[in-house]
Each structure stands twice: as structure tokens, then as C-alpha cells.
């Protein structure tokens, strides 16, 4: 079979990684990959993909039966996971969503993977400050990790006071940062 005859692997949106069981009834704690509580609420009752390891790892469908947030951690109950032992067996797995199943987002809402790779520029000068390389979940506000052209990195809180515009078409995030923020090293 030639490469052109093979079906393309389905696109997956990684939502977070299961880090440990929560209680005795199969709930798990998920370290979110930048997904916000208002977006996760739209996934309730939806089929998700439990992915073991990195692609092309094993995958299985699960249903998000309940969810809540506690201090920046997403606590979920999944179908076919009703005991602590079952929860322990899926620690380290990723929770994903099929690309075509993404809920539509409102204005100023973005999936983390849409922001990675975007150029960050100063809204006042047009100066290129770097490129988003990662989204780090945080209890107060998610953080954009930006890599400068010299290889150094800094964080920008994903808040309206600093993010002036996100232009997915032009692949640019225009920011208004306090003086000195880009000189603080990410770490």
C-alpha cells in the first residue's frame, strides 16, 4: 500500500494529561493543556479519546460523565472508570477530542493549540517579540511561553490587560506589556 493510499490519521486536540486518581470512585485529576472551565463545561456528556502514550499510541473512546475544577486542576469522571484501581490504570494518559468534535468557541476564546506557533508583536511599535511555544496552565491565568529570537523565553499572562488582539488568520498576537516583562526569564 502506498503512502497516498493510507488514510490520514485523524486529528486530535489534546485537552490534558491524567495525573492521579481523585477519591475512591474512579474520578481522576487532569492537568489541563490550557483548556478553560467555560470550554470544558461544553464537553459534558461528549465522547472523548483516552490516548495512551504519544501517537500512534492506543486510543479508546470514553464519555465525560462529570467534571469540576479545583485550583486549576480539572477533575473528571469518565465512563468505564468507576474504581480507584481503574483510575490508577489510566494515570499518564491524555484526554483528547477529535478535531471535528470541537465545540464552537465564543469571541476571545481559543484552544491552546491555536495559539502555539503564533508570532507575538508589540501593539505600539509592531516589533516582533517572539513566538508562542507553549501554553502553561495556571490558577490565576494561563501563561503564554514566548521564545525570543535569541533563544531566551518569557511568560505573558493570557489576560485582556496584556493581550490586545489575537489574529488567527494572520497568525499574530498583539500585546501591550508592562515594561521589563520580556526581560523576566521563563523557568
Protein backbone atom coordinates (compact mmCIF):
# COMPACT_ATOMS: atom_id res chain seq x y z
CA UNK A 1 0.00 0.00 0.00
CA UNK A 2 1.45 3.39 -0.96
CA UNK A 3 1.51 6.42 1.31
CA UNK A 4 -1.15 8.09 -0.80
CA UNK A 5 -3.47 5.10 -0.28
CA UNK A 6 -3.18 5.22 3.50
CA UNK A 7 -5.85 7.07 5.39
CA UNK A 8 -4.56 10.10 7.21
CA UNK A 9 -4.50 9.75 10.96
CA UNK A 10 -7.44 11.58 12.49
CA UNK A 11 -6.62 14.94 14.07
CA UNK A 12 -6.73 15.06 17.85
CA UNK A 13 -6.87 18.01 20.21
CA UNK A 14 -5.09 17.15 23.46
CA UNK A 15 -7.05 18.60 26.40
CA UNK A 16 -4.90 17.45 29.30
CA UNK A 17 -2.96 14.65 30.98
CA UNK A 18 -4.33 12.48 33.77
CA UNK A 19 -2.04 12.93 36.76
CA UNK A 20 -3.66 10.92 39.56
CA UNK A 21 -6.86 9.40 40.94
CA UNK A 22 -9.27 11.60 42.89
CA UNK A 23 -11.05 9.71 45.66
CA UNK A 24 -12.24 6.10 45.54
CA UNK A 25 -14.93 6.12 42.83
CA UNK A 26 -12.85 6.40 39.66
CA UNK A 27 -12.56 10.17 39.29
CA UNK A 28 -9.21 11.48 38.03
CA UNK A 29 -7.28 14.72 38.24
CA UNK A 30 -6.31 16.15 34.86
CA UNK A 31 -3.56 18.71 34.30
CA UNK A 32 -5.24 20.80 31.59
CA UNK A 33 -3.38 21.95 28.50
CA UNK A 34 -4.82 25.45 28.64
CA UNK A 35 -8.48 24.45 28.39
CA UNK A 36 -10.67 26.83 30.38
CA UNK A 37 -13.54 25.80 32.69
CA UNK A 38 -16.10 27.53 30.47
CA UNK A 39 -14.92 25.45 27.50
CA UNK A 40 -14.68 22.17 29.43
CA UNK A 41 -18.28 22.62 30.59
CA UNK A 42 -19.37 22.31 26.95
CA UNK A 43 -17.82 18.83 26.78
CA UNK A 44 -20.04 17.26 29.44
CA UNK A 45 -21.66 14.08 28.05
CA UNK A 46 -19.43 14.14 24.99
CA UNK A 47 -17.19 11.34 23.74
CA UNK A 48 -13.51 11.95 24.40
CA UNK A 49 -10.47 9.94 23.40
CA UNK A 50 -8.26 8.41 26.05
CA UNK A 51 -4.79 8.20 24.49
CA UNK A 52 -2.06 6.01 25.95
CA UNK A 53 1.41 7.38 25.16
CA UNK A 54 2.18 9.55 22.17
CA UNK A 55 0.71 8.93 18.70
CA UNK A 56 0.34 6.38 17.36
CA UNK A 57 -0.48 5.18 20.86
CA UNK A 58 -3.52 3.13 21.76
CA UNK A 59 -6.79 5.05 21.92
CA UNK A 60 -10.21 4.31 23.33
CA UNK A 61 -13.44 6.25 23.50
CA UNK A 62 -14.78 7.39 26.88
CA UNK A 63 -17.64 9.68 27.85
CA UNK A 64 -17.13 12.70 30.08
CA UNK A 65 -19.74 11.95 32.75
CA UNK A 66 -18.95 14.75 35.19
CA UNK A 67 -16.40 17.48 35.61
CA UNK A 68 -15.41 20.21 38.02
CA UNK A 69 -12.43 22.43 38.67
CA UNK A 70 -10.35 22.80 41.83
CA UNK A 71 -7.34 25.16 41.99
CA UNK A 72 -6.57 24.94 38.28
CA UNK A 73 -6.96 21.16 38.14
CA UNK A 74 -9.72 19.60 36.08
CA UNK A 75 -11.39 16.75 38.00
CA UNK A 76 -13.37 14.40 35.76
CA UNK A 77 -15.35 11.18 35.87
CA UNK A 78 -15.18 9.05 32.74
CA UNK A 79 -17.28 6.14 31.56
CA UNK A 80 -15.79 2.71 32.31
CA UNK A 81 -13.75 4.13 35.19
CA UNK A 82 -15.67 3.50 38.40
CA UNK A 83 -12.96 2.42 40.85
CA UNK A 84 -9.72 3.82 42.19
CA UNK A 85 -7.88 0.92 40.56
CA UNK A 86 -9.35 1.79 37.16
CA UNK A 87 -8.34 5.42 37.71
CA UNK A 88 -4.79 4.40 38.65
CA UNK A 89 -4.55 2.38 35.43
CA UNK A 90 -5.07 5.49 33.27
CA UNK A 91 -2.66 7.84 35.06
CA UNK A 92 -0.33 9.33 32.43
CA UNK A 93 -2.88 9.03 29.63
CA UNK A 94 -4.02 12.07 27.69
CA UNK A 95 -7.63 13.14 27.26
CA UNK A 96 -8.22 14.25 23.69
CA UNK A 97 -11.03 15.42 21.48
CA UNK A 98 -11.49 14.63 17.81
CA UNK A 99 -10.87 17.79 15.78
CA UNK A 100 -14.33 17.63 14.23
CA UNK A 101 -15.94 17.43 17.71
CA UNK A 102 -14.51 20.72 19.00
CA UNK A 103 -17.28 22.88 20.42
CA UNK A 104 -17.50 26.27 18.76
CA UNK A 105 -15.92 28.99 20.82
CA UNK A 106 -17.08 32.50 21.51
CA UNK A 107 -15.29 35.74 20.82
CA UNK A 108 -11.91 35.93 22.59
CA UNK A 109 -11.90 32.17 23.32
CA UNK A 110 -9.19 29.96 21.83
CA UNK A 111 -7.99 26.41 22.06
CA UNK A 112 -4.37 26.26 23.26
CA UNK A 113 -3.12 24.57 20.08
CA UNK A 114 -4.44 27.53 18.06
CA UNK A 115 -2.05 29.88 19.88
CA UNK A 116 1.15 27.81 19.73
CA UNK A 117 3.28 28.98 16.82
CA UNK A 118 1.77 32.46 16.62
CA UNK A 119 4.08 35.46 16.42
CA UNK A 120 3.90 37.90 19.33
CA UNK A 121 4.36 41.57 18.50
CA UNK A 122 4.19 44.84 20.40
CA UNK A 123 0.90 46.63 19.60
CA UNK A 124 2.57 50.08 19.78
CA UNK A 125 5.80 49.51 17.83
CA UNK A 126 4.99 46.47 15.71
CA UNK A 127 8.24 44.92 16.98
CA UNK A 128 8.36 41.11 16.83
CA UNK A 129 8.87 39.89 20.41
CA UNK A 130 8.95 36.16 19.71
CA UNK A 131 6.82 33.11 19.06
CA UNK A 132 4.43 31.24 21.36
CA UNK A 133 5.96 27.82 22.08
CA UNK A 134 3.71 26.58 24.88
CA UNK A 135 0.65 27.37 26.98
CA UNK A 136 1.16 26.77 30.70
CA UNK A 137 -1.98 26.32 32.80
CA UNK A 138 -2.07 28.45 35.92
CA UNK A 139 -4.71 29.00 38.58
CA UNK A 140 -4.89 32.77 38.01
CA UNK A 141 -4.49 32.88 34.22
CA UNK A 142 -2.89 30.64 31.63
CA UNK A 143 0.57 31.74 30.56
CA UNK A 144 1.93 32.03 27.04
CA UNK A 145 5.55 30.91 26.90
CA UNK A 146 7.22 33.05 24.26
CA UNK A 147 10.62 32.30 22.72
CA UNK A 148 12.63 35.32 21.61
CA UNK A 149 14.87 35.27 18.55
CA UNK A 150 17.94 34.99 20.83
CA UNK A 151 16.54 31.75 22.30
CA UNK A 152 15.51 33.29 25.62
CA UNK A 153 11.98 32.75 26.86
CA UNK A 154 9.46 34.75 28.88
CA UNK A 155 5.85 34.39 30.04
CA UNK A 156 2.83 36.52 29.17
CA UNK A 157 -0.33 36.07 31.26
CA UNK A 158 -3.27 35.39 28.96
CA UNK A 159 -5.34 38.34 30.23
CA UNK A 160 -7.16 41.14 28.41
CA UNK A 161 -4.96 43.78 30.03
CA UNK A 162 -1.94 42.44 28.11
CA UNK A 163 -3.41 40.68 25.08
CA UNK A 164 -4.65 43.39 22.72
CA UNK A 165 -5.59 41.14 19.77
CA UNK A 166 -5.34 37.53 18.65
CA UNK A 167 -5.43 37.29 14.85
CA UNK A 168 -5.59 33.61 13.93
CA UNK A 169 -5.71 34.39 10.20
CA UNK A 170 -2.51 36.48 10.26
CA UNK A 171 -1.09 34.21 12.99
CA UNK A 172 -0.20 37.17 15.23
CA UNK A 173 -0.86 38.06 18.86
CA UNK A 174 -0.55 41.80 19.50
CA UNK A 175 0.34 42.62 23.09
CA UNK A 176 0.63 45.64 25.36
CA UNK A 177 3.13 44.57 28.01
CA UNK A 178 4.41 46.35 31.09
CA UNK A 179 8.00 47.49 30.78
CA UNK A 180 10.52 44.82 31.72
CA UNK A 181 8.20 41.79 31.37
CA UNK A 182 10.10 40.35 28.40
CA UNK A 183 13.33 40.53 30.40
CA UNK A 184 11.98 38.11 33.03
CA UNK A 185 13.08 34.59 32.20
CA UNK A 186 10.59 31.74 31.97
CA UNK A 187 11.55 28.91 34.20
